Amino acid sequence: MGDVAPLYLGFDLSTQQLKGLAVTSSLRVQYEVKFDFDEDAKGFGVKKGVLTNEAENEVFAPLTLWLRALDVVLQRFQQQGLDFQRIRGISGAGMQHGSVYFSREGEEALQHLDSSKSLEEQLADAFSHPFSPNWQDASTQKQCDAFDKYLGDEYRLAEITGSKAHHRFTGPQILRFRTKYPEKYANTSRITLVSSFIASIFLGRVAPFDISDVCGMNLWDIKAGAWNEKLLSLTAGSSNTGDLKSKLGAAQVPEDGGAFLGNVHPYFVDRFGFDASCMVAPSTGDNPSTILALPLRALDAIVSLGTSTTFLMSTPHYKPNPAVHFMNHPTTPGLYMFMLCYKNGGLAREQVRDSLAPSSDPSNPWQVFDETASSTPPLGQSPDAASPMRLGLYFPRPEIVPNVRAGTWRFVYKSRDRALMEADPEPWSLPNDDARAIVESQFLSLRLRSRDLVETPTGANAHLPAQPRRIYLVGGASRNLAIAKIAGEVLGGVEGVYRLDVGENACALGAAYKAVWAVERKQGETFEDLVGGRWREEEFVKKIADGYQEGMFERYGLAVEGFDSLEKAVLKREGQH
């Protein structure tokens, strides 16, 4: 007799692929499949998963491609030998902010799926608009300006919705869709996010929004736990917001991230052999799902060091401003997800790396960069810590945090008298000094923007200054020990700096763990408690650097003040805000 132990499915619908994982109750991955949109799909013409209209700065994906991907992923699970009868729960992660527009006919088709046909065959015409705007879309500047002004200014918008207006956010996207395609908008029965699209397919009816992902729309009042009527009015183009509320399914945003949305649609029972009692839980956004890939505790931080840099932290504090994002935590009431996104991450570090002498080891192009960064004293100071600090900004691309053009700026800062001076070449030894300065610059920006959220440790560490409990590094540069060491020196971390190694599976793992929690939790058991009791830290986490170091952390605290002044000086000169 085959194994009958329960399994749980987690899906990650990202820009370039659909990934699926099946995990056990003990959180072990048993099956893993994926569908690459460029390699596995023919006839869609996508490049890196998307289509573009450069004339209007549009970036979007064909919805039928996603349907085909789900068909194929489920087939590949079968080919690997997965018995869908064992699946007890399903959840997903979707790239944030993207919108899907179901037609009235599409809603009907979704409810009456025929198990003899594929999803693509039956739902290809289920949408009033055949594409979903991608998070890279930048076509909504006019709409973003309107959102930022509508409640007074961008600070007020951030206070209410957790973020200022951004091109990719769903509210500005819906507003543009309504004005560009009025007939399609009128024929739209329901609007979903990418995350709720995933849940909708498995339910056979349009699923409600997730309590965390709904915060990426610029429409949800986070503290009130309700839609903001004024922002709905702006989006709808009328004070009569009833039609838009109906399209959004406005009454349906369950506060419980593990809520029972329903059982899997009979289509999946008949076609793939799912058990009819299989539960569908809310799917969330890709960033919220990332913080579910481990039992992240309040005041732990995840730093993703990829092409871009993303900083995620679970916090009990809600302190929004236009430079950051706040969202409800996807599973734990009373916590929020704090997020920072930078365009300039790995590319900026690579630019400095390439300016240095070539590496003598062809297999390690970072050899000289690492050696140079490690041998340069902190902040470029001489042994006398009173000497000027070397601080810089390195933006090969226009940046959003802060909002400034591409460029490089170097300064020296005297902390004793708080004097900031733009550096002439003499105090800097270029290009070598840039190696450490660019890493410090990126981490100083994180510390500057998260300093009001961290708290003084408790218990035996109550004498330490406010800082994160742990720093988890993910992404390609997380394997760079020189960068990890500087991360600990700048950001601290009571328990140290760790590498979280889950490959490219963080979002799908977070979704699968969420499904386990939704089905198997005891009354009142939090996600962190359930996953923390089953998660095998030794398999996924390795301490790679010290965190808090007395004296060093405080020195970088002085540098934060100089870095803040540096940013303000550059913004003032560049005329940006």
Protein backbone atom coordinates (compact mmCIF):
# COMPACT_ATOMS: atom_id res chain seq x y z
CA MET A 1 0.00 0.00 0.00
CA GLY A 2 1.35 3.44 -0.94
CA ASP A 3 2.10 6.26 1.45
CA VAL A 4 -1.08 7.93 2.66
CA ALA A 5 0.48 10.62 4.87
CA PRO A 6 -0.94 14.12 4.23
CA LEU A 7 0.73 16.47 1.76
CA TYR A 8 0.26 20.19 1.15
CA LEU A 9 0.68 22.15 -2.07
CA GLY A 10 2.31 25.57 -2.37
CA PHE A 11 2.41 27.46 -5.67
CA ASP A 12 4.52 30.45 -6.67
CA LEU A 13 3.26 32.34 -9.72
CA SER A 14 6.13 34.70 -10.53
CA THR A 15 7.10 36.76 -13.55
CA GLN A 16 9.05 34.03 -15.29
CA GLN A 17 7.66 30.74 -14.02
CA LEU A 18 5.05 28.83 -12.07
CA LYS A 19 6.55 26.62 -9.39
CA GLY A 20 4.77 24.02 -7.29
CA LEU A 21 5.94 22.22 -4.16
CA ALA A 22 4.36 19.42 -2.14
CA VAL A 23 5.46 19.22 1.50
CA THR A 24 4.70 16.87 4.37
CA SER A 25 3.25 17.80 7.74
CA SER A 26 6.85 17.93 8.98
CA LEU A 27 7.62 20.53 6.26
CA ARG A 28 9.81 18.29 4.14
CA VAL A 29 9.63 18.82 0.36
CA GLN A 30 8.47 15.64 -1.37
CA TYR A 31 7.76 16.91 -4.88
CA GLU A 32 8.89 19.94 -6.85
CA VAL A 33 7.93 20.97 -10.39
CA LYS A 34 8.00 24.14 -12.43
CA PHE A 35 6.88 25.60 -15.74
CA ASP A 36 9.21 28.17 -17.30
CA PHE A 37 7.22 30.66 -19.34
CA ASP A 38 9.94 31.30 -21.93
CA GLU A 39 11.20 27.73 -22.30
CA ASP A 40 8.05 25.67 -21.86
CA ALA A 41 5.40 27.78 -23.60
CA LYS A 42 5.19 28.29 -27.33
CA GLY A 43 3.14 30.82 -29.23
CA PHE A 44 2.90 33.55 -26.59
CA GLY A 45 5.90 35.63 -27.67
CA VAL A 46 6.94 36.45 -24.12
CA LYS A 47 10.44 37.45 -23.12
CA LYS A 48 11.34 36.77 -19.49
CA GLY A 49 7.68 35.96 -18.94
CA VAL A 50 6.17 39.22 -20.18
CA LEU A 51 5.15 41.28 -23.18
CA THR A 52 5.92 44.98 -23.45
CA ASN A 53 4.50 48.09 -25.06
CA GLU A 54 7.45 50.45 -24.78
CA ALA A 55 5.54 53.40 -26.23
CA GLU A 56 3.34 53.45 -23.12
CA ASN A 57 5.77 51.84 -20.65
CA GLU A 58 3.43 48.86 -20.32
CA VAL A 59 4.60 45.43 -19.13
CA PHE A 60 2.02 42.64 -18.97
CA ALA A 61 1.49 38.88 -19.15
CA PRO A 62 -1.06 36.80 -21.10
CA LEU A 63 -3.47 35.06 -18.73
CA THR A 64 -3.81 31.99 -20.93
CA LEU A 65 -0.09 31.40 -20.37
CA TRP A 66 -0.75 31.08 -16.65
CA LEU A 67 -3.63 28.67 -17.27
CA ARG A 68 -1.43 26.48 -19.47
CA ALA A 69 1.29 26.57 -16.83
CA LEU A 70 -1.09 25.32 -14.13
CA ASP A 71 -2.35 22.53 -16.42
CA VAL A 72 1.22 21.39 -17.10
CA VAL A 73 2.44 21.72 -13.50
CA LEU A 74 -0.36 19.47 -12.26
CA GLN A 75 0.43 16.96 -15.03
CA ARG A 76 4.12 17.00 -14.08
CA PHE A 77 3.21 16.32 -10.47
CA GLN A 78 1.32 13.25 -11.70
CA GLN A 79 4.27 12.16 -13.82
CA GLN A 80 6.49 12.33 -10.72
CA GLY A 81 4.09 9.97 -8.96
CA LEU A 82 2.26 12.43 -6.70
CA ASP A 83 -1.02 10.98 -5.45
CA PHE A 84 -3.31 14.02 -5.27
CA GLN A 85 -5.58 12.05 -2.92
CA ARG A 86 -3.00 12.85 -0.23
CA ILE A 87 -3.29 16.63 -0.65
CA ARG A 88 -5.07 18.13 2.36
CA GLY A 89 -4.51 21.84 1.70
CA ILE A 90 -3.49 24.30 -1.02
CA SER A 91 -2.14 27.84 -0.87
CA GLY A 92 -0.17 30.05 -3.21
CA ALA A 93 2.02 33.08 -3.67
CA GLY A 94 1.53 35.53 -6.51
CA MET A 95 3.64 38.45 -7.67
CA GLN A 96 2.22 41.45 -5.92
CA HIS A 97 -0.01 44.19 -7.34
CA GLY A 98 -0.93 42.50 -10.65
CA SER A 99 -4.64 42.53 -11.49
CA VAL A 100 -6.89 40.05 -13.33
CA TYR A 101 -10.24 41.05 -14.85
CA PHE A 102 -12.90 38.31 -14.98
CA SER A 103 -15.92 38.80 -17.23
CA ARG A 104 -19.43 37.76 -16.22
CA GLU A 105 -19.18 34.84 -18.63
CA GLY A 106 -15.79 33.97 -17.16
CA GLU A 107 -17.20 33.73 -13.65
CA GLU A 108 -19.83 31.34 -14.96
CA ALA A 109 -17.22 29.24 -16.78
CA LEU A 110 -15.09 29.08 -13.63
CA GLN A 111 -17.98 27.57 -11.68
CA HIS A 112 -18.79 24.92 -14.31
CA LEU A 113 -15.43 23.46 -15.24
CA ASP A 114 -15.53 20.28 -17.35
CA SER A 115 -13.01 17.69 -16.16
CA SER A 116 -12.56 16.35 -19.70
CA LYS A 117 -10.97 19.63 -20.81
CA SER A 118 -7.91 21.62 -19.78
CA LEU A 119 -8.11 24.89 -17.89
CA GLU A 120 -6.69 26.72 -20.89
CA GLU A 121 -9.41 25.33 -23.17
CA GLN A 122 -12.23 26.40 -20.88
CA LEU A 123 -11.02 29.69 -19.40
CA ALA A 124 -9.09 31.30 -22.27
CA ASP A 125 -12.05 33.64 -22.86
CA ALA A 126 -12.98 34.10 -19.20
CA PHE A 127 -11.48 37.58 -18.94
CA SER A 128 -12.70 40.98 -20.01
CA HIS A 129 -9.02 41.81 -20.62
CA PRO A 130 -6.64 39.01 -21.67
CA PHE A 131 -3.58 40.40 -19.91
CA SER A 132 -2.42 41.12 -16.37
CA PRO A 133 -0.20 44.18 -15.71
CA ASN A 134 3.17 43.11 -14.37
CA TRP A 135 4.91 44.72 -11.38
CA GLN A 136 7.47 46.18 -13.83
CA ASP A 137 4.76 48.22 -15.56
CA ALA A 138 5.43 51.99 -15.43
CA SER A 139 2.45 53.33 -17.39
CA THR A 140 0.55 54.92 -14.50
CA GLN A 141 2.48 58.07 -13.59
CA LYS A 142 -0.60 60.26 -14.18
CA GLN A 143 -2.72 58.01 -11.99
CA CYS A 144 -0.04 57.85 -9.27
CA ASP A 145 0.08 61.64 -9.16
CA ALA A 146 -3.69 61.67 -8.69
CA PHE A 147 -3.51 59.11 -5.86
CA ASP A 148 -0.72 60.98 -4.06
CA LYS A 149 -2.72 64.22 -4.14
CA TYR A 150 -6.23 62.91 -3.52
CA LEU A 151 -6.01 62.60 0.27
CA GLY A 152 -3.72 65.61 0.64
CA ASP A 153 -0.22 64.33 -0.10
CA GLU A 154 1.85 61.16 -0.37
CA TYR A 155 2.43 61.09 3.40
CA ARG A 156 -1.30 60.88 4.07
CA LEU A 157 -1.71 58.17 1.41
CA ALA A 158 1.12 56.17 3.01
CA GLU A 159 -0.39 56.64 6.47
CA ILE A 160 -3.68 55.13 5.35
CA THR A 161 -2.65 52.48 2.81
CA GLY A 162 0.89 51.66 3.96
CA SER A 163 2.56 53.07 0.82
CA LYS A 164 2.64 56.13 -1.38
CA ALA A 165 1.38 55.61 -4.93
CA HIS A 166 3.55 53.40 -7.11
CA HIS A 167 3.27 52.54 -10.79
CA ARG A 168 2.75 48.86 -10.07
CA PHE A 169 0.11 49.25 -7.36
CA THR A 170 -3.33 47.96 -8.24
CA GLY A 171 -5.43 51.06 -7.54
CA PRO A 172 -3.60 53.27 -10.06
CA GLN A 173 -3.62 50.33 -12.50
CA ILE A 174 -7.40 49.88 -12.20
CA LEU A 175 -7.91 53.63 -12.67
CA ARG A 176 -5.88 53.57 -15.88
CA PHE A 177 -7.66 50.43 -17.09
CA ARG A 178 -11.05 52.04 -16.54
CA THR A 179 -10.15 55.14 -18.53
CA LYS A 180 -8.24 53.36 -21.32
CA TYR A 181 -10.67 50.46 -21.76
CA PRO A 182 -14.12 51.70 -20.61
CA GLU A 183 -16.02 48.91 -22.39
CA LYS A 184 -13.79 46.20 -20.97
CA TYR A 185 -14.11 47.74 -17.52
CA ALA A 186 -17.89 47.77 -17.84
CA ASN A 187 -17.81 44.09 -18.83
CA THR A 188 -15.63 43.21 -15.83
CA SER A 189 -17.52 41.23 -13.22
CA ARG A 190 -14.68 40.70 -10.73
CA ILE A 191 -11.14 41.99 -10.26
CA THR A 192 -8.59 39.80 -8.49
CA LEU A 193 -4.94 40.01 -7.60
CA VAL A 194 -2.53 37.38 -8.89
CA SER A 195 -2.66 35.67 -5.50
CA SER A 196 -6.45 35.49 -5.38
CA PHE A 197 -6.45 34.37 -9.03
CA ILE A 198 -4.57 31.23 -7.94
CA ALA A 199 -7.07 30.49 -5.17
CA SER A 200 -9.98 31.23 -7.52
CA ILE A 201 -8.94 28.57 -10.01
CA PHE A 202 -8.81 25.85 -7.34
CA LEU A 203 -12.09 26.99 -5.74
CA GLY A 204 -14.00 27.29 -8.99
CA ARG A 205 -15.22 30.75 -7.95
CA VAL A 206 -13.57 34.10 -7.39
CA ALA A 207 -11.66 34.04 -4.11
CA PRO A 208 -11.43 36.94 -1.67
CA PHE A 209 -8.30 39.01 -1.31
CA ASP A 210 -5.64 38.04 1.19
CA ILE A 211 -5.34 40.29 4.27
CA SER A 212 -1.68 41.07 3.47
CA ASP A 213 -1.73 41.26 -0.32
CA VAL A 214 -4.72 43.63 -0.30
CA CYS A 215 -2.35 46.20 1.20
CA GLY A 216 -0.47 46.43 -2.12
CA MET A 217 -3.36 48.16 -3.89
CA ASN A 218 -3.32 51.75 -2.50
CA LEU A 219 -7.01 51.18 -1.75
CA TRP A 220 -7.10 49.43 1.63
CA ASP A 221 -7.15 51.38 4.90
CA ILE A 222 -4.83 49.23 6.99
CA LYS A 223 -5.70 50.55 10.44
CA ALA A 224 -9.46 50.66 9.73
CA GLY A 225 -9.41 47.20 8.12
CA ALA A 226 -11.64 48.39 5.30
CA TRP A 227 -11.62 49.91 1.83
CA ASN A 228 -11.00 53.65 1.78
CA GLU A 229 -14.13 55.21 0.31
CA LYS A 230 -12.34 58.28 -1.06
CA LEU A 231 -9.75 56.20 -2.91
CA LEU A 232 -12.49 53.94 -4.25
CA SER A 233 -14.25 57.07 -5.50
CA LEU A 234 -11.10 58.24 -7.27
CA THR A 235 -10.64 54.83 -8.89
CA ALA A 236 -14.29 54.44 -9.86
CA GLY A 237 -14.53 57.96 -11.23
CA SER A 238 -17.66 58.60 -9.20
CA SER A 239 -18.81 59.01 -5.65
CA ASN A 240 -21.02 56.00 -6.36
CA THR A 241 -18.51 53.27 -5.59
CA GLY A 242 -20.97 50.38 -5.49
CA ASP A 243 -19.99 49.00 -8.90
CA LEU A 244 -16.26 48.98 -8.05
CA LYS A 245 -16.98 47.42 -4.65
CA SER A 246 -18.89 44.68 -6.41
CA LYS A 247 -15.99 44.07 -8.79
CA LEU A 248 -13.60 43.86 -5.84
CA GLY A 249 -15.90 41.62 -3.80
CA ALA A 250 -15.53 44.31 -1.20
CA ALA A 251 -17.10 42.48 1.70
CA GLN A 252 -14.70 39.56 1.38
CA VAL A 253 -11.28 40.17 2.95
CA PRO A 254 -10.98 37.59 5.73
CA GLU A 255 -8.70 38.67 8.56
CA ASP A 256 -7.58 35.07 9.16
CA GLY A 257 -4.69 34.26 6.82
CA GLY A 258 -5.45 30.57 7.25
CA ALA A 259 -9.19 30.85 6.67
CA PHE A 260 -11.15 28.02 5.08
CA LEU A 261 -12.18 29.44 1.70
CA GLY A 262 -13.78 26.20 0.58
CA ASN A 263 -12.94 22.78 -0.78
CA VAL A 264 -11.22 22.20 -4.07
CA HIS A 265 -13.58 22.34 -7.07
CA PRO A 266 -14.89 18.95 -8.30
CA TYR A 267 -12.98 19.53 -11.55
CA PHE A 268 -9.71 18.76 -9.72
CA VAL A 269 -11.25 15.76 -7.98
CA ASP A 270 -12.39 14.21 -11.25
CA ARG A 271 -9.46 15.18 -13.49
CA PHE A 272 -6.50 14.77 -11.13
CA GLY A 273 -7.79 12.67 -8.23
CA PHE A 274 -7.81 15.25 -5.44
CA ASP A 275 -9.74 14.35 -2.31
CA ALA A 276 -13.04 16.24 -2.24
CA SER A 277 -12.26 17.49 1.28
CA CYS A 278 -9.00 19.19 0.20
CA MET A 279 -9.01 22.72 1.67
CA VAL A 280 -8.18 25.89 -0.23
CA ALA A 281 -6.57 28.57 1.98
CA PRO A 282 -5.96 32.20 1.02
CA SER A 283 -3.01 32.77 -1.30
CA THR A 284 -0.81 35.77 -0.53
CA GLY A 285 1.74 37.96 -2.31
CA ASP A 286 5.26 36.85 -3.12
CA ASN A 287 6.90 39.17 -0.58
CA PRO A 288 4.56 38.26 2.29
CA SER A 289 5.05 34.61 1.39
CA THR A 290 8.82 35.02 1.63
CA ILE A 291 8.59 35.84 5.33
CA LEU A 292 6.64 32.59 5.79
CA ALA A 293 9.53 30.47 4.46
CA LEU A 294 10.86 30.30 8.03
CA PRO A 295 9.43 30.95 11.49
CA LEU A 296 10.41 34.62 11.28
CA ARG A 297 10.02 36.23 14.67
CA ALA A 298 9.06 39.82 15.30
CA LEU A 299 12.08 42.07 14.71
CA ASP A 300 13.91 39.49 12.61
CA ALA A 301 15.00 40.90 9.25
CA ILE A 302 15.45 39.32 5.84
CA VAL A 303 17.80 41.06 3.40
CA SER A 304 17.55 39.82 -0.19
CA LEU A 305 20.79 40.59 -2.02
CA GLY A 306 19.95 40.02 -5.67
CA THR A 307 19.92 42.28 -8.71
CA SER A 308 17.81 44.55 -6.54
CA THR A 309 17.88 44.74 -2.75
CA THR A 310 14.80 44.00 -0.67
CA PHE A 311 14.55 44.34 3.10
CA LEU A 312 11.70 42.58 4.92
CA MET A 313 10.95 42.68 8.61
CA SER A 314 8.13 41.47 10.80
CA THR A 315 7.24 44.20 13.28
CA PRO A 316 4.49 45.08 15.77
CA HIS A 317 4.93 48.76 14.89
CA TYR A 318 3.03 50.60 12.16
CA LYS A 319 5.10 53.64 11.21
CA PRO A 320 4.53 54.28 7.52
CA ASN A 321 6.16 56.92 5.35
CA PRO A 322 6.49 57.38 1.58
CA ALA A 323 9.94 55.76 1.39
CA VAL A 324 8.79 52.35 2.67
CA HIS A 325 5.96 49.84 2.46
CA PHE A 326 3.83 48.51 5.30
CA MET A 327 1.43 45.60 4.92
CA ASN A 328 -0.55 43.42 7.27
CA HIS A 329 1.32 40.28 8.24
CA PRO A 330 -0.05 37.38 6.15
CA THR A 331 -0.81 35.11 9.12
CA THR A 332 -0.36 36.90 12.43
CA PRO A 333 -2.76 39.65 13.58
CA GLY A 334 -0.98 42.47 15.39
CA LEU A 335 2.15 42.18 13.25
CA TYR A 336 3.01 44.07 10.09
CA MET A 337 5.42 43.42 7.26
CA PHE A 338 7.84 46.28 6.70
CA MET A 339 9.42 46.33 3.25
CA LEU A 340 12.06 48.37 1.48
CA CYS A 341 12.79 47.94 -2.24
CA TYR A 342 15.88 49.29 -4.00
CA LYS A 343 16.58 49.12 -7.72
CA ASN A 344 20.34 49.37 -7.21
CA GLY A 345 21.67 46.24 -5.54
CA GLY A 346 23.89 43.67 -7.21
CA LEU A 347 24.35 45.78 -10.32
CA ALA A 348 25.89 48.61 -8.30
CA ARG A 349 28.23 46.24 -6.47
CA GLU A 350 29.24 44.63 -9.76
CA GLN A 351 30.03 48.04 -11.25
CA VAL A 352 32.49 48.72 -8.41
CA ARG A 353 33.88 45.19 -8.65
CA ASP A 354 34.62 45.67 -12.35
CA SER A 355 36.50 48.91 -11.66
CA LEU A 356 39.04 47.06 -9.50
CA ALA A 357 42.01 45.01 -10.61
CA PRO A 358 40.96 41.73 -12.20
CA SER A 359 40.75 38.65 -10.01
CA SER A 360 43.59 36.15 -10.22
CA ASP A 361 41.05 33.36 -9.76
CA PRO A 362 38.76 33.09 -12.82
CA SER A 363 36.31 31.00 -10.80
CA ASN A 364 35.88 33.79 -8.22
CA PRO A 365 35.34 37.19 -9.86
CA TRP A 366 34.69 38.71 -6.41
CA GLN A 367 38.12 37.83 -4.99
CA VAL A 368 39.67 41.30 -5.29
CA PHE A 369 36.46 43.06 -4.26
CA ASP A 370 36.18 40.93 -1.12
CA GLU A 371 39.82 41.34 -0.17
CA THR A 372 39.67 45.10 -0.75
CA ALA A 373 36.42 45.58 1.19
CA SER A 374 37.73 43.47 4.07
CA SER A 375 41.09 45.22 4.30
CA THR A 376 39.65 48.75 4.15
CA PRO A 377 38.93 50.07 7.66
CA PRO A 378 35.28 50.70 8.60
CA LEU A 379 34.02 53.93 7.03
CA GLY A 380 37.49 54.46 5.59
CA GLN A 381 38.60 55.91 8.92
CA SER A 382 42.14 55.80 10.22
CA PRO A 383 42.71 54.04 13.59
CA ASP A 384 41.63 57.33 15.12
CA ALA A 385 37.83 56.99 15.03
CA ALA A 386 37.56 60.76 15.12
CA SER A 387 38.91 61.03 11.57
CA PRO A 388 36.38 61.78 8.77
CA MET A 389 34.06 59.03 7.59
CA ARG A 390 33.84 58.24 3.89
CA LEU A 391 30.24 57.93 2.74
CA GLY A 392 28.79 57.53 -0.72
CA LEU A 393 25.77 56.83 -2.91
CA TYR A 394 26.14 54.45 -5.85
CA PHE A 395 23.22 54.34 -8.29
CA PRO A 396 23.90 52.99 -11.80
CA ARG A 397 20.12 53.22 -12.30
CA PRO A 398 17.68 55.88 -11.11
CA GLU A 399 16.74 55.00 -7.54
CA ILE A 400 13.42 55.11 -5.72
CA VAL A 401 14.86 55.09 -2.18
CA PRO A 402 15.75 57.91 -2.29
CA ASN A 403 14.08 59.20 -5.45
CA VAL A 404 17.12 60.41 -7.38
CA ARG A 405 18.72 60.12 -10.81
CA ALA A 406 21.49 57.69 -11.65
CA GLY A 407 24.88 58.81 -10.40
CA THR A 408 27.68 58.43 -7.85
CA TRP A 409 28.27 60.87 -4.97
CA ARG A 410 31.13 60.74 -2.46
CA PHE A 411 31.34 62.72 0.77
CA VAL A 412 33.35 62.89 3.97
CA TYR A 413 31.58 63.35 7.29
CA LYS A 414 33.00 64.56 10.60
CA SER A 415 30.69 63.11 13.22
CA ARG A 416 31.96 65.25 16.12
CA ASP A 417 30.75 68.49 14.57
CA ARG A 418 28.26 66.90 12.14
CA ALA A 419 30.04 68.46 9.18
CA LEU A 420 29.33 66.96 5.76
CA MET A 421 31.57 67.88 2.84
CA GLU A 422 31.54 66.65 -0.71
CA ALA A 423 34.79 64.85 -1.22
CA ASP A 424 37.47 65.93 -3.61
CA PRO A 425 39.45 62.95 -4.91
CA GLU A 426 42.22 63.34 -2.34
CA PRO A 427 40.58 61.84 0.79
CA TRP A 428 39.50 58.80 -1.22
CA SER A 429 41.77 56.22 -2.76
CA LEU A 430 39.84 55.27 -5.88
CA PRO A 431 38.62 52.83 -6.93
CA ASN A 432 39.65 50.73 -3.90
CA ASP A 433 37.78 52.72 -1.26
CA ASP A 434 34.54 52.21 -3.17
CA ALA A 435 34.55 48.46 -2.46
CA ARG A 436 33.75 48.83 1.22
CA ALA A 437 31.88 52.11 0.86
CA ILE A 438 29.25 50.73 -1.49
CA VAL A 439 28.41 47.84 0.84
CA GLU A 440 28.29 50.19 3.81
CA SER A 441 26.10 52.59 1.84
CA GLN A 442 23.51 49.92 1.09
CA PHE A 443 23.34 48.70 4.68
CA LEU A 444 23.36 52.23 6.16
CA SER A 445 20.28 52.99 4.07
CA LEU A 446 18.54 49.93 5.54
CA ARG A 447 19.51 50.90 9.08
CA LEU A 448 18.40 54.52 8.57
CA ARG A 449 14.92 53.49 7.44
CA SER A 450 14.38 50.69 9.95
CA ARG A 451 15.78 52.36 13.07
CA ASP A 452 12.39 53.50 14.36
CA LEU A 453 11.04 49.94 14.20
CA VAL A 454 13.66 48.00 16.15
CA GLU A 455 13.53 47.64 19.93
CA THR A 456 15.94 47.19 22.79
CA PRO A 457 16.42 43.45 23.38
CA THR A 458 14.94 41.84 26.47
CA GLY A 459 16.27 39.37 29.02
CA ALA A 460 19.99 38.76 29.15
CA ASN A 461 20.56 41.16 26.24
CA ALA A 462 18.55 44.07 27.70
CA HIS A 463 21.75 46.13 28.00
CA LEU A 464 22.22 46.17 24.21
CA PRO A 465 20.98 48.99 21.94
CA ALA A 466 17.88 48.59 19.75
CA GLN A 467 18.53 46.32 16.75
CA PRO A 468 17.10 43.27 14.96
CA ARG A 469 17.20 39.90 16.70
CA ARG A 470 18.62 38.14 13.66
CA ILE A 471 19.65 39.18 10.15
CA TYR A 472 18.86 36.58 7.47
CA LEU A 473 20.60 37.03 4.10
CA VAL A 474 19.14 35.48 0.95
CA GLY A 475 19.96 35.81 -2.74
CA GLY A 476 23.17 35.41 -4.69
CA ALA A 477 25.33 37.72 -2.57
CA SER A 478 24.31 35.96 0.65
CA ARG A 479 27.21 33.58 0.03
CA ASN A 480 29.70 36.45 0.13
CA LEU A 481 31.26 36.36 3.60
CA ALA A 482 32.87 39.79 3.25
CA ILE A 483 29.45 41.36 2.62
CA ALA A 484 27.91 39.34 5.47
CA LYS A 485 30.56 40.58 7.90
CA ILE A 486 29.85 44.22 7.02
CA ALA A 487 26.10 43.53 7.32
CA GLY A 488 26.60 42.49 10.94
CA GLU A 489 28.82 45.46 11.70
CA VAL A 490 26.30 47.97 10.29
CA LEU A 491 22.92 46.38 11.07
CA GLY A 492 23.80 44.48 14.22
CA GLY A 493 21.74 41.43 15.05
CA VAL A 494 21.64 40.22 18.64
CA GLU A 495 22.06 36.59 17.60
CA GLY A 496 24.12 37.22 14.46
CA VAL A 497 23.91 37.12 10.68
CA TYR A 498 22.59 33.98 8.97
CA ARG A 499 22.31 32.69 5.44
CA LEU A 500 18.88 31.32 4.61
CA ASP A 501 19.42 28.73 1.90
CA VAL A 502 16.15 27.59 0.35
CA GLY A 503 17.31 28.03 -3.24
CA GLU A 504 14.66 29.78 -5.29
CA ASN A 505 11.87 28.16 -3.30
CA ALA A 506 11.15 30.76 -0.61
CA CYS A 507 7.78 31.91 -1.99
CA ALA A 508 6.49 28.42 -2.79
CA LEU A 509 7.71 27.11 0.57
CA GLY A 510 5.99 29.94 2.39
CA ALA A 511 2.76 29.09 0.58
CA ALA A 512 3.06 25.37 1.36
CA TYR A 513 3.83 26.05 5.04
CA LYS A 514 0.79 28.34 5.15
CA ALA A 515 -1.36 25.46 3.88
CA VAL A 516 0.03 23.15 6.58
CA TRP A 517 -0.75 25.74 9.25
CA ALA A 518 -4.24 26.43 7.91
CA VAL A 519 -5.21 22.75 8.11
CA GLU A 520 -3.27 21.43 11.11
CA ARG A 521 -3.16 24.32 13.61
CA LYS A 522 -4.68 23.90 17.01
CA GLN A 523 -7.03 26.49 18.46
CA GLY A 524 -5.05 29.73 18.86
CA GLU A 525 -1.80 28.27 17.49
CA THR A 526 0.13 30.89 15.55
CA PHE A 527 1.95 30.25 12.31
CA GLU A 528 5.27 30.97 14.02
CA ASP A 529 4.56 28.46 16.78
CA LEU A 530 3.47 25.65 14.47
CA VAL A 531 6.22 26.11 11.90
CA GLY A 532 8.82 26.88 14.57
CA GLY A 533 8.09 23.53 16.23
CA ARG A 534 8.57 21.59 12.99
CA TRP A 535 11.15 23.59 11.04
CA ARG A 536 14.67 22.15 10.90
CA GLU A 537 16.88 25.18 11.18
CA GLU A 538 20.07 23.20 10.67
CA GLU A 539 18.96 22.26 7.13
CA PHE A 540 18.22 25.77 5.92
CA VAL A 541 20.12 28.23 8.10
CA LYS A 542 23.80 28.76 8.81
CA LYS A 543 25.38 31.49 10.91
CA ILE A 544 27.92 33.23 8.71
CA ALA A 545 28.89 36.38 10.61
CA ASP A 546 28.70 38.05 13.98
CA GLY A 547 25.97 40.59 14.51
CA TYR A 548 26.22 43.26 17.18
CA GLN A 549 29.80 44.26 18.04
CA GLU A 550 30.17 46.78 20.84
CA GLY A 551 31.76 50.00 19.64
CA MET A 552 31.42 49.11 15.96
CA PHE A 553 27.62 49.25 16.00
CA GLU A 554 27.70 52.60 17.78
CA ARG A 555 30.21 53.99 15.30
CA TYR A 556 27.90 53.10 12.43
CA GLY A 557 25.10 54.75 14.40
CA LEU A 558 27.00 58.03 14.04
CA ALA A 559 27.49 57.26 10.36
CA VAL A 560 23.71 56.88 9.92
CA GLU A 561 23.33 60.55 10.86
CA GLY A 562 25.91 61.52 8.26
CA PHE A 563 24.30 59.27 5.68
CA ASP A 564 20.93 60.92 6.31
CA SER A 565 22.53 64.33 5.75
CA LEU A 566 24.24 63.05 2.60
CA GLU A 567 20.95 61.87 1.06
CA LYS A 568 19.24 65.16 1.88
CA ALA A 569 22.11 67.15 0.36
CA VAL A 570 21.98 65.13 -2.86
CA LEU A 571 18.20 65.37 -3.10
CA LYS A 572 18.28 69.12 -2.55
CA ARG A 573 20.89 69.60 -5.23
CA GLU A 574 19.19 67.31 -7.71
CA GLY A 575 15.81 68.91 -7.13
CA GLN A 576 14.13 65.56 -6.42
CA HIS A 577 12.03 64.54 -3.43
